[in-house]
């Protein structure tokens, strides 16, 4: 059942929290690319991912409440999916454009729709199948058309890594939905620590030991990944699903903007088309699904 939003000031506070979280999320691409290193971009991406997650896990730990480290099987599997998501997303941002990384990851809805009937026992509707087709079209444009005329193997690898991030992102969402009775912070905190451990072998030689890089990574951990989750987890309780989907959609829209302003990175024409297809599909599907649940609510017989 869809949670009913609080009235008055509670809704306004919820909007502000979710918007704040989305704004912080939207800075990921710019901040990750702002880190300046000489050497392997793959090693740099793994070091950024590991440091970001370690700092975020430590920042969230005192805010999560008692029992947050109690790990059951569902939370453990979700933590693994989350760890791969945050690691591959940071790596993808170092290899391909920020626009490609965020919009390919947002296409995780595709995997969620495909895996949902199997993992969550949820039946797909006609709108879900239409979304699958549209997302496949958008992904095809980003992965195969964008930069096809260029000889940039690292960008192609980055697109593949972002696609993997989309899959693990979908598994993370499925895990959080399956773990409704548990503390949602548990898999997030454990997942951050696991991501840091996974990336630890790439820490030598360490490439981030400059004031500029340290400041960027500290921001990524404390604010972009840590504070954003804290705000979102509290704001989402006060909003309907439709409002949350619309407000948080500023993340993928602003992500390439910040990256352009800070790093002068401009997506190509095909990338913009692919991003537009995915953006329209994800937003439309989120709103249509939420409206459908709201209409079905009276027929269900009672409020939650």
Protein backbone atom coordinates (compact mmCIF):
# COMPACT_ATOMS: atom_id res chain seq x y z
CA UNK A 1 0.00 0.00 0.00
CA UNK A 2 1.19 3.49 -0.75
CA UNK A 3 1.99 5.58 2.28
CA UNK A 4 -0.19 8.64 2.71
CA UNK A 5 1.78 11.88 3.00
CA UNK A 6 1.55 14.03 6.10
CA UNK A 7 -0.28 17.33 5.73
CA UNK A 8 0.95 20.91 5.89
CA UNK A 9 4.45 21.56 7.11
CA UNK A 10 5.33 17.87 7.06
CA UNK A 11 4.91 17.73 3.28
CA UNK A 12 6.93 20.90 2.78
CA UNK A 13 9.72 19.54 4.98
CA UNK A 14 9.58 16.24 3.08
CA UNK A 15 9.91 18.00 -0.26
CA UNK A 16 12.86 20.01 1.04
CA UNK A 17 14.61 16.86 2.32
CA UNK A 18 14.10 14.85 -0.88
CA UNK A 19 15.12 17.83 -3.00
CA UNK A 20 18.24 18.30 -0.88
CA UNK A 21 19.10 14.62 -1.28
CA UNK A 22 18.59 14.79 -5.04
CA UNK A 23 20.75 17.91 -5.33
CA UNK A 24 23.55 16.19 -3.43
CA UNK A 25 23.22 13.05 -5.56
CA UNK A 26 23.36 15.16 -8.70
CA UNK A 27 26.87 16.36 -7.85
CA UNK A 28 28.40 12.87 -8.02
CA UNK A 29 29.64 13.06 -11.60
CA UNK A 30 31.21 16.49 -11.22
CA UNK A 31 32.89 15.68 -7.90
CA UNK A 32 34.23 12.31 -9.11
CA UNK A 33 35.63 13.89 -12.27
CA UNK A 34 37.03 16.84 -10.30
CA UNK A 35 39.56 14.47 -8.73
CA UNK A 36 42.81 14.97 -10.64
CA UNK A 37 45.27 12.10 -10.98
CA UNK A 38 48.03 10.94 -13.28
CA UNK A 39 47.87 7.30 -14.15
CA UNK A 40 45.20 4.63 -14.51
CA UNK A 41 41.64 5.92 -14.56
CA UNK A 42 40.46 2.48 -13.45
CA UNK A 43 42.66 2.60 -10.34
CA UNK A 44 41.57 6.18 -9.69
CA UNK A 45 37.91 5.23 -9.97
CA UNK A 46 38.31 2.34 -7.54
CA UNK A 47 40.20 4.49 -5.04
CA UNK A 48 37.54 7.20 -5.20
CA UNK A 49 34.79 4.61 -4.78
CA UNK A 50 36.51 2.96 -1.82
CA UNK A 51 37.30 6.19 0.04
CA UNK A 52 33.84 7.63 -0.66
CA UNK A 53 32.10 4.54 0.71
CA UNK A 54 34.33 4.25 3.77
CA UNK A 55 33.66 7.87 4.72
CA UNK A 56 29.92 7.54 4.04
CA UNK A 57 29.64 4.39 6.13
CA UNK A 58 31.38 6.03 9.07
CA UNK A 59 29.25 9.18 8.69
CA UNK A 60 25.98 7.23 8.67
CA UNK A 61 26.83 4.86 11.52
CA UNK A 62 26.02 7.21 14.44
CA UNK A 63 22.81 8.41 12.74
CA UNK A 64 21.27 5.02 12.06
CA UNK A 65 20.09 4.00 15.54
CA UNK A 66 20.34 0.80 17.53
CA UNK A 67 20.59 -2.58 15.89
CA UNK A 68 21.69 -1.16 12.56
CA UNK A 69 24.55 -3.67 12.24
CA UNK A 70 22.31 -6.71 12.72
CA UNK A 71 22.52 -8.42 9.36
CA UNK A 72 20.09 -11.05 8.09
CA UNK A 73 20.26 -12.85 4.75
CA UNK A 74 18.11 -10.37 2.82
CA UNK A 75 19.99 -7.37 4.16
CA UNK A 76 23.29 -9.11 3.44
CA UNK A 77 22.44 -9.80 -0.20
CA UNK A 78 21.18 -6.24 -0.58
CA UNK A 79 24.41 -4.90 0.93
CA UNK A 80 26.43 -6.85 -1.67
CA UNK A 81 24.32 -5.43 -4.52
CA UNK A 82 24.65 -1.93 -3.07
CA UNK A 83 28.44 -2.27 -2.76
CA UNK A 84 28.77 -3.21 -6.42
CA UNK A 85 26.41 -0.36 -7.37
CA UNK A 86 28.34 2.46 -5.69
CA UNK A 87 31.68 1.02 -6.83
CA UNK A 88 30.75 0.53 -10.48
CA UNK A 89 29.00 3.91 -10.64
CA UNK A 90 32.11 5.77 -9.46
CA UNK A 91 34.26 3.78 -11.87
CA UNK A 92 31.89 4.44 -14.78
CA UNK A 93 32.09 8.18 -14.12
CA UNK A 94 35.87 8.06 -14.55
CA UNK A 95 35.63 6.15 -17.83
CA UNK A 96 32.62 7.59 -19.66
CA UNK A 97 30.66 10.85 -19.49
CA UNK A 98 28.70 11.73 -16.37
CA UNK A 99 25.52 11.88 -18.46
CA UNK A 100 26.02 8.35 -19.75
CA UNK A 101 26.88 7.02 -16.29
CA UNK A 102 23.81 8.44 -14.52
CA UNK A 103 21.24 7.77 -17.23
CA UNK A 104 22.46 4.25 -17.94
CA UNK A 105 22.27 3.54 -14.21
CA UNK A 106 18.77 5.01 -14.07
CA UNK A 107 17.77 2.46 -16.68
CA UNK A 108 18.03 -0.04 -13.83
CA UNK A 109 14.23 0.18 -13.96
CA UNK A 110 14.54 -2.09 -17.02
CA UNK A 111 16.17 -4.86 -14.98
CA UNK A 112 13.73 -4.31 -12.12
CA UNK A 113 10.78 -4.80 -14.48
CA UNK A 114 12.36 -7.91 -15.96
CA UNK A 115 13.39 -9.44 -12.63
CA UNK A 116 10.41 -8.21 -10.59
CA UNK A 117 8.05 -11.09 -11.41
CA UNK A 118 10.76 -13.56 -10.37
CA UNK A 119 12.32 -11.80 -7.37
CA UNK A 120 9.32 -9.95 -5.91
CA UNK A 121 6.42 -11.95 -7.36
CA UNK A 122 5.06 -8.77 -8.94
CA UNK A 123 3.11 -8.98 -12.18
CA UNK A 124 3.99 -6.59 -15.01
CA UNK A 125 1.32 -4.50 -16.70
CA UNK A 126 1.08 -3.18 -20.24
CA UNK A 127 2.76 0.07 -19.14
CA UNK A 128 5.68 -1.95 -17.78
CA UNK A 129 6.27 -3.69 -21.11
CA UNK A 130 6.09 -0.35 -22.93
CA UNK A 131 8.73 0.98 -20.52
CA UNK A 132 10.96 -2.03 -21.20
CA UNK A 133 10.89 -1.35 -24.95
CA UNK A 134 11.58 2.37 -24.49
CA UNK A 135 14.44 1.75 -22.05
CA UNK A 136 16.02 -0.76 -24.41
CA UNK A 137 15.88 1.87 -27.15
CA UNK A 138 17.48 4.49 -24.93
CA UNK A 139 20.20 2.10 -23.79
CA UNK A 140 20.95 1.08 -27.37
CA UNK A 141 21.47 4.72 -28.31
CA UNK A 142 23.79 5.37 -25.35
CA UNK A 143 25.81 2.16 -25.54
CA UNK A 144 26.05 1.62 -29.30
CA UNK A 145 25.40 4.95 -31.04
CA UNK A 146 27.01 7.53 -28.74
CA UNK A 147 30.66 7.81 -29.68
CA UNK A 148 30.42 5.05 -32.26
CA UNK A 149 32.43 7.15 -34.64
CA UNK A 150 35.14 7.69 -32.02
CA UNK A 151 37.96 5.37 -31.09
CA UNK A 152 37.57 5.57 -27.31
CA UNK A 153 37.71 2.08 -25.78
CA UNK A 154 37.67 3.48 -22.23
CA UNK A 155 34.37 5.23 -22.91
CA UNK A 156 32.91 2.01 -24.26
CA UNK A 157 34.16 0.17 -21.17
CA UNK A 158 32.63 2.89 -18.99
CA UNK A 159 29.25 2.39 -20.67
CA UNK A 160 29.45 -1.35 -19.95
CA UNK A 161 30.41 -0.68 -16.31
CA UNK A 162 27.46 1.74 -16.03
CA UNK A 163 25.20 -0.97 -17.44
CA UNK A 164 26.45 -3.34 -14.76
CA UNK A 165 25.73 -0.60 -12.20
CA UNK A 166 22.16 -0.43 -13.53
CA UNK A 167 21.73 -4.17 -12.93
CA UNK A 168 23.10 -4.06 -9.38
CA UNK A 169 21.07 -0.90 -8.69
CA UNK A 170 17.92 -2.81 -9.64
CA UNK A 171 18.95 -5.67 -7.34
CA UNK A 172 19.53 -3.15 -4.54
CA UNK A 173 16.05 -1.69 -4.97
CA UNK A 174 14.54 -5.18 -5.07
CA UNK A 175 16.42 -6.09 -1.89
CA UNK A 176 15.27 -2.97 -0.06
CA UNK A 177 11.68 -3.67 -1.08
CA UNK A 178 11.95 -7.29 0.04
CA UNK A 179 13.38 -6.13 3.39
CA UNK A 180 10.46 -3.83 4.28
CA UNK A 181 10.43 -4.89 7.93
CA UNK A 182 14.14 -4.34 8.45
CA UNK A 183 16.18 -1.20 8.99
CA UNK A 184 16.90 0.27 5.52
CA UNK A 185 20.16 1.74 6.81
CA UNK A 186 21.58 -1.72 7.57
CA UNK A 187 22.37 -2.82 3.98
CA UNK A 188 23.47 0.73 3.08
CA UNK A 189 26.04 0.96 5.89
CA UNK A 190 27.29 -2.60 5.44
CA UNK A 191 27.33 -2.08 1.67
CA UNK A 192 29.51 1.01 2.02
CA UNK A 193 31.99 -0.83 4.22
CA UNK A 194 32.00 -3.78 1.82
CA UNK A 195 32.64 -1.46 -1.13
CA UNK A 196 35.61 0.04 0.71
CA UNK A 197 37.00 -3.43 1.36
CA UNK A 198 36.48 -4.47 -2.28
CA UNK A 199 38.41 -1.44 -3.50
CA UNK A 200 41.23 -1.72 -0.95
CA UNK A 201 43.54 -3.78 -3.24
CA UNK A 202 43.58 -0.83 -5.67
CA UNK A 203 44.81 1.60 -3.01
CA UNK A 204 48.50 1.07 -3.77
CA UNK A 205 50.01 3.25 -5.03
CA UNK A 206 47.62 5.79 -3.51
CA UNK A 207 46.71 8.54 -6.01
CA UNK A 208 44.44 10.85 -4.00
CA UNK A 209 46.86 12.38 -1.49
CA UNK A 210 46.51 16.04 -2.50
CA UNK A 211 44.40 18.74 -0.81
CA UNK A 212 42.16 19.01 -3.89
CA UNK A 213 41.51 15.29 -4.11
CA UNK A 214 41.09 14.86 -0.35
CA UNK A 215 38.50 17.64 -0.26
CA UNK A 216 36.59 16.14 -3.21
CA UNK A 217 36.54 12.62 -1.73
CA UNK A 218 35.56 13.90 1.72
CA UNK A 219 32.66 15.81 0.15
CA UNK A 220 31.59 12.72 -1.78
CA UNK A 221 31.56 10.56 1.33
CA UNK A 222 30.06 12.92 3.92
CA UNK A 223 27.60 14.89 1.80
CA UNK A 224 27.00 13.35 -1.63
CA UNK A 225 26.58 9.77 -0.34
CA UNK A 226 26.11 10.11 3.44
CA UNK A 227 23.95 13.17 4.12
CA UNK A 228 21.91 12.56 0.97
CA UNK A 229 20.77 9.15 2.23
CA UNK A 230 19.95 10.61 5.66
CA UNK A 231 17.77 13.32 4.08
CA UNK A 232 16.07 11.04 1.58
CA UNK A 233 15.22 8.31 4.11
CA UNK A 234 13.41 10.87 6.27
CA UNK A 235 11.86 12.98 3.54
CA UNK A 236 10.37 10.04 1.64
CA UNK A 237 8.16 9.20 4.64
CA UNK A 238 6.29 12.50 4.22
CA UNK A 239 5.64 12.38 0.47
CA UNK A 240 3.56 10.36 -1.93
CA UNK A 241 5.39 8.20 -4.44
CA UNK A 242 4.48 10.62 -7.25
CA UNK A 243 5.94 13.62 -5.46
CA UNK A 244 9.07 11.73 -4.49
CA UNK A 245 9.61 10.60 -8.09
CA UNK A 246 9.16 14.10 -9.49
CA UNK A 247 11.25 15.92 -6.87
CA UNK A 248 14.14 13.43 -6.97
CA UNK A 249 14.25 13.58 -10.76
CA UNK A 250 16.38 16.70 -10.54
CA UNK A 251 19.32 14.34 -9.89
CA UNK A 252 19.85 12.95 -13.42
CA UNK A 253 18.85 16.27 -14.99
CA UNK A 254 21.37 18.36 -13.05
CA UNK A 255 24.18 15.79 -12.97
CA UNK A 256 25.49 16.64 -16.48
CA UNK A 257 24.96 20.35 -15.80
CA UNK A 258 27.26 20.41 -12.76
CA UNK A 259 29.81 18.33 -14.67
CA UNK A 260 29.78 20.81 -17.53
CA UNK A 261 30.15 23.80 -15.20
CA UNK A 262 32.97 22.24 -13.15
CA UNK A 263 34.76 20.06 -15.69
CA UNK A 264 33.58 21.43 -19.07
CA UNK A 265 32.29 18.01 -20.14
CA UNK A 266 29.66 18.18 -22.91
CA UNK A 267 27.62 15.08 -23.90
CA UNK A 268 27.31 14.30 -27.61
CA UNK A 269 24.10 14.51 -29.65
CA UNK A 270 23.41 10.79 -29.47
CA UNK A 271 24.02 10.83 -25.72
CA UNK A 272 21.50 13.64 -25.26
CA UNK A 273 18.92 11.70 -27.29
CA UNK A 274 19.49 8.49 -25.34
CA UNK A 275 19.35 10.35 -22.03
CA UNK A 276 16.11 12.05 -23.05
CA UNK A 277 14.48 8.71 -23.94
CA UNK A 278 15.50 7.14 -20.63
CA UNK A 279 14.57 10.24 -18.60
CA UNK A 280 11.10 10.48 -20.13
CA UNK A 281 10.49 6.76 -19.69
CA UNK A 282 11.61 6.56 -16.06
CA UNK A 283 9.68 9.65 -14.97
CA UNK A 284 6.52 8.71 -16.87
CA UNK A 285 6.59 5.14 -15.58
CA UNK A 286 7.12 6.30 -11.98
CA UNK A 287 4.19 8.71 -12.13
CA UNK A 288 1.84 6.30 -13.95
CA UNK A 289 2.67 3.47 -11.54
CA UNK A 290 2.10 5.64 -8.47
CA UNK A 291 -1.22 6.94 -9.82
CA UNK A 292 -2.30 3.37 -10.59
CA UNK A 293 -1.53 2.29 -7.01
CA UNK A 294 -3.44 5.27 -5.63
CA UNK A 295 -6.53 4.43 -7.72
CA UNK A 296 -6.35 0.80 -6.67
CA UNK A 297 -6.08 1.67 -2.99
CA UNK A 298 -9.83 2.00 -2.21
CA UNK A 299 -10.43 -1.39 -3.79
CA UNK A 300 -7.90 -2.92 -1.45
CA UNK A 301 -10.28 -2.25 1.42
CA UNK A 302 -8.23 -0.29 3.98
CA UNK A 303 -5.44 2.12 4.58
CA UNK A 304 -2.05 0.79 5.72
